[in-house]
Amino acid sequence: MHTLAATRDVRKVALWLGHASVKSTEMYLRVDATEKLAVLEAREAPSLRRGRFEAPDKLLAMLRSP
């Protein structure tokens, strides 16, 4: 929606999303706003644990390798 608002061109949105046809993109753009809000409100927030992230040794080794 941000790309469409910025460019005002559905074809650019289709290219950005990698759709083969503009028809595929139009399907997403025509969804009712109240339906979008209902879907978002039905979602639960992700459960997050307090604490500090500690990267595993395997990840650190991969990042340090040239």
N, C-alpha and C. Protein backbone atom coordinates (compact mmCIF):
# COMPACT_ATOMS: atom_id res chain seq x y z
N MET A 1 0.83 -1.19 0.00
CA MET A 1 0.00 0.00 0.00
C MET A 1 0.88 1.26 0.00
N HIS A 2 2.01 1.18 0.70
CA HIS A 2 2.91 2.34 0.72
C HIS A 2 3.49 2.61 -0.67
N THR A 3 3.86 1.54 -1.37
CA THR A 3 4.41 1.69 -2.71
C THR A 3 3.36 2.25 -3.65
N LEU A 4 2.14 1.78 -3.53
CA LEU A 4 1.07 2.30 -4.37
C LEU A 4 0.83 3.78 -4.08
N ALA A 5 0.81 4.15 -2.81
CA ALA A 5 0.60 5.55 -2.45
C ALA A 5 1.74 6.44 -2.97
N ALA A 6 2.95 5.90 -2.94
CA ALA A 6 4.10 6.70 -3.38
C ALA A 6 4.18 6.82 -4.89
N THR A 7 3.85 5.75 -5.61
CA THR A 7 4.04 5.74 -7.06
C THR A 7 2.76 5.98 -7.84
N ARG A 8 1.61 5.66 -7.23
CA ARG A 8 0.31 5.75 -7.90
C ARG A 8 0.27 4.87 -9.15
N ASP A 9 1.03 3.77 -9.12
CA ASP A 9 1.11 2.89 -10.28
C ASP A 9 1.06 1.43 -9.84
N VAL A 10 -0.03 0.75 -10.15
CA VAL A 10 -0.21 -0.64 -9.76
C VAL A 10 0.84 -1.53 -10.42
N ARG A 11 1.28 -1.17 -11.60
CA ARG A 11 2.30 -1.98 -12.29
C ARG A 11 3.60 -2.02 -11.51
N LYS A 12 3.97 -0.90 -10.90
CA LYS A 12 5.20 -0.87 -10.10
C LYS A 12 5.05 -1.72 -8.84
N VAL A 13 3.86 -1.71 -8.26
CA VAL A 13 3.60 -2.55 -7.09
C VAL A 13 3.72 -4.01 -7.49
N ALA A 14 3.16 -4.38 -8.64
CA ALA A 14 3.22 -5.76 -9.12
C ALA A 14 4.67 -6.18 -9.34
N LEU A 15 5.47 -5.31 -9.92
CA LEU A 15 6.88 -5.62 -10.13
C LEU A 15 7.62 -5.78 -8.80
N TRP A 16 7.33 -4.89 -7.86
CA TRP A 16 7.98 -4.92 -6.54
C TRP A 16 7.68 -6.23 -5.82
N LEU A 17 6.42 -6.70 -5.93
CA LEU A 17 6.01 -7.93 -5.26
C LEU A 17 6.35 -9.18 -6.05
N GLY A 18 6.79 -9.01 -7.30
CA GLY A 18 7.16 -10.15 -8.12
C GLY A 18 5.97 -10.88 -8.72
N HIS A 19 4.86 -10.19 -8.86
CA HIS A 19 3.68 -10.82 -9.46
C HIS A 19 3.83 -10.89 -10.97
N ALA A 20 3.39 -11.99 -11.55
CA ALA A 20 3.48 -12.16 -13.00
C ALA A 20 2.44 -11.31 -13.72
N SER A 21 1.36 -10.99 -13.03
CA SER A 21 0.28 -10.24 -13.66
C SER A 21 -0.23 -9.17 -12.70
N VAL A 22 -0.68 -8.06 -13.26
CA VAL A 22 -1.25 -6.98 -12.45
C VAL A 22 -2.55 -7.45 -11.80
N LYS A 23 -3.22 -8.42 -12.42
CA LYS A 23 -4.46 -8.96 -11.85
C LYS A 23 -4.22 -9.56 -10.47
N SER A 24 -3.08 -10.19 -10.30
CA SER A 24 -2.75 -10.76 -9.00
C SER A 24 -2.63 -9.67 -7.94
N THR A 25 -2.03 -8.56 -8.32
CA THR A 25 -1.83 -7.46 -7.40
C THR A 25 -3.15 -6.78 -7.06
N GLU A 26 -4.00 -6.60 -8.04
CA GLU A 26 -5.28 -5.92 -7.82
C GLU A 26 -6.12 -6.64 -6.78
N MET A 27 -6.01 -7.96 -6.72
CA MET A 27 -6.77 -8.72 -5.75
C MET A 27 -6.44 -8.27 -4.33
N TYR A 28 -5.17 -7.99 -4.06
CA TYR A 28 -4.75 -7.56 -2.73
C TYR A 28 -5.14 -6.11 -2.46
N LEU A 29 -5.17 -5.29 -3.48
CA LEU A 29 -5.45 -3.87 -3.30
C LEU A 29 -6.93 -3.60 -3.08
N ARG A 30 -7.79 -4.52 -3.44
CA ARG A 30 -9.22 -4.31 -3.34
C ARG A 30 -9.85 -4.86 -2.06
N VAL A 31 -9.05 -5.34 -1.15
CA VAL A 31 -9.58 -5.87 0.10
C VAL A 31 -10.17 -4.72 0.91
N ASP A 32 -11.32 -4.98 1.51
CA ASP A 32 -12.02 -3.97 2.30
C ASP A 32 -11.19 -3.60 3.54
N ALA A 33 -11.12 -2.34 3.85
CA ALA A 33 -10.31 -1.87 4.98
C ALA A 33 -10.82 -2.44 6.31
N THR A 34 -12.12 -2.57 6.47
CA THR A 34 -12.64 -3.14 7.73
C THR A 34 -12.26 -4.61 7.86
N GLU A 35 -12.18 -5.30 6.72
CA GLU A 35 -11.76 -6.70 6.75
C GLU A 35 -10.29 -6.80 7.16
N LYS A 36 -9.47 -5.90 6.65
CA LYS A 36 -8.05 -5.89 7.02
C LYS A 36 -7.90 -5.65 8.52
N LEU A 37 -8.65 -4.69 9.06
CA LEU A 37 -8.56 -4.40 10.48
C LEU A 37 -9.02 -5.58 11.33
N ALA A 38 -10.06 -6.26 10.89
CA ALA A 38 -10.55 -7.42 11.64
C ALA A 38 -9.49 -8.52 11.69
N VAL A 39 -8.80 -8.73 10.59
CA VAL A 39 -7.75 -9.74 10.56
C VAL A 39 -6.60 -9.35 11.49
N LEU A 40 -6.22 -8.08 11.47
CA LEU A 40 -5.14 -7.63 12.34
C LEU A 40 -5.51 -7.72 13.82
N GLU A 41 -6.76 -7.39 14.15
CA GLU A 41 -7.20 -7.44 15.54
C GLU A 41 -7.30 -8.88 16.05
N ALA A 42 -7.54 -9.82 15.16
CA ALA A 42 -7.67 -11.23 15.56
C ALA A 42 -6.32 -11.85 15.88
N ARG A 43 -5.26 -11.24 15.42
CA ARG A 43 -3.92 -11.78 15.65
C ARG A 43 -3.50 -11.54 17.09
N GLU A 44 -2.75 -12.47 17.64
CA GLU A 44 -2.20 -12.30 18.97
C GLU A 44 -0.80 -11.72 18.86
N ALA A 45 -0.45 -10.94 19.85
CA ALA A 45 0.90 -10.40 19.88
C ALA A 45 1.88 -11.55 20.14
N PRO A 46 3.05 -11.50 19.56
CA PRO A 46 4.02 -12.58 19.79
C PRO A 46 4.44 -12.62 21.26
N SER A 47 4.65 -13.81 21.76
CA SER A 47 5.09 -13.92 23.16
C SER A 47 6.60 -13.71 23.19
N LEU A 48 7.00 -12.76 23.98
CA LEU A 48 8.41 -12.43 24.10
C LEU A 48 8.86 -12.67 25.52
N ARG A 49 10.07 -13.17 25.64
CA ARG A 49 10.62 -13.39 26.97
C ARG A 49 11.61 -12.29 27.28
N ARG A 50 11.60 -11.85 28.51
CA ARG A 50 12.59 -10.87 28.93
C ARG A 50 13.95 -11.55 29.01
N GLY A 51 14.96 -10.79 28.77
CA GLY A 51 16.31 -11.33 28.88
C GLY A 51 17.20 -10.76 27.81
N ARG A 52 18.39 -11.21 27.82
CA ARG A 52 19.39 -10.73 26.87
C ARG A 52 19.69 -11.85 25.87
N PHE A 53 19.74 -11.50 24.60
CA PHE A 53 20.04 -12.49 23.56
C PHE A 53 21.51 -12.86 23.62
N GLU A 54 21.76 -14.14 23.59
CA GLU A 54 23.13 -14.63 23.53
C GLU A 54 23.26 -15.51 22.30
N ALA A 55 24.08 -15.06 21.38
CA ALA A 55 24.26 -15.80 20.13
C ALA A 55 24.99 -17.11 20.39
N PRO A 56 24.57 -18.20 19.76
CA PRO A 56 25.27 -19.48 19.93
C PRO A 56 26.67 -19.43 19.31
N ASP A 57 27.55 -20.26 19.82
CA ASP A 57 28.94 -20.30 19.35
C ASP A 57 29.02 -20.55 17.85
N LYS A 58 28.14 -21.39 17.33
CA LYS A 58 28.15 -21.71 15.90
C LYS A 58 27.88 -20.45 15.06
N LEU A 59 26.95 -19.62 15.51
CA LEU A 59 26.63 -18.37 14.80
C LEU A 59 27.82 -17.41 14.86
N LEU A 60 28.41 -17.26 16.02
CA LEU A 60 29.56 -16.36 16.16
C LEU A 60 30.72 -16.83 15.29
N ALA A 61 30.96 -18.14 15.23
CA ALA A 61 32.04 -18.67 14.41
C ALA A 61 31.79 -18.36 12.93
N MET A 62 30.54 -18.50 12.49
CA MET A 62 30.21 -18.22 11.11
C MET A 62 30.42 -16.73 10.79
N LEU A 63 30.05 -15.87 11.71
CA LEU A 63 30.21 -14.43 11.48
C LEU A 63 31.66 -14.00 11.48
N ARG A 64 32.50 -14.70 12.24
CA ARG A 64 33.92 -14.35 12.31
C ARG A 64 34.71 -14.90 11.14
N SER A 65 34.19 -15.93 10.47
CA SER A 65 34.95 -16.53 9.37
C SER A 65 34.99 -15.59 8.17
N PRO A 66 36.14 -15.59 7.44
CA PRO A 66 36.28 -14.67 6.29
C PRO A 66 35.44 -15.04 5.11
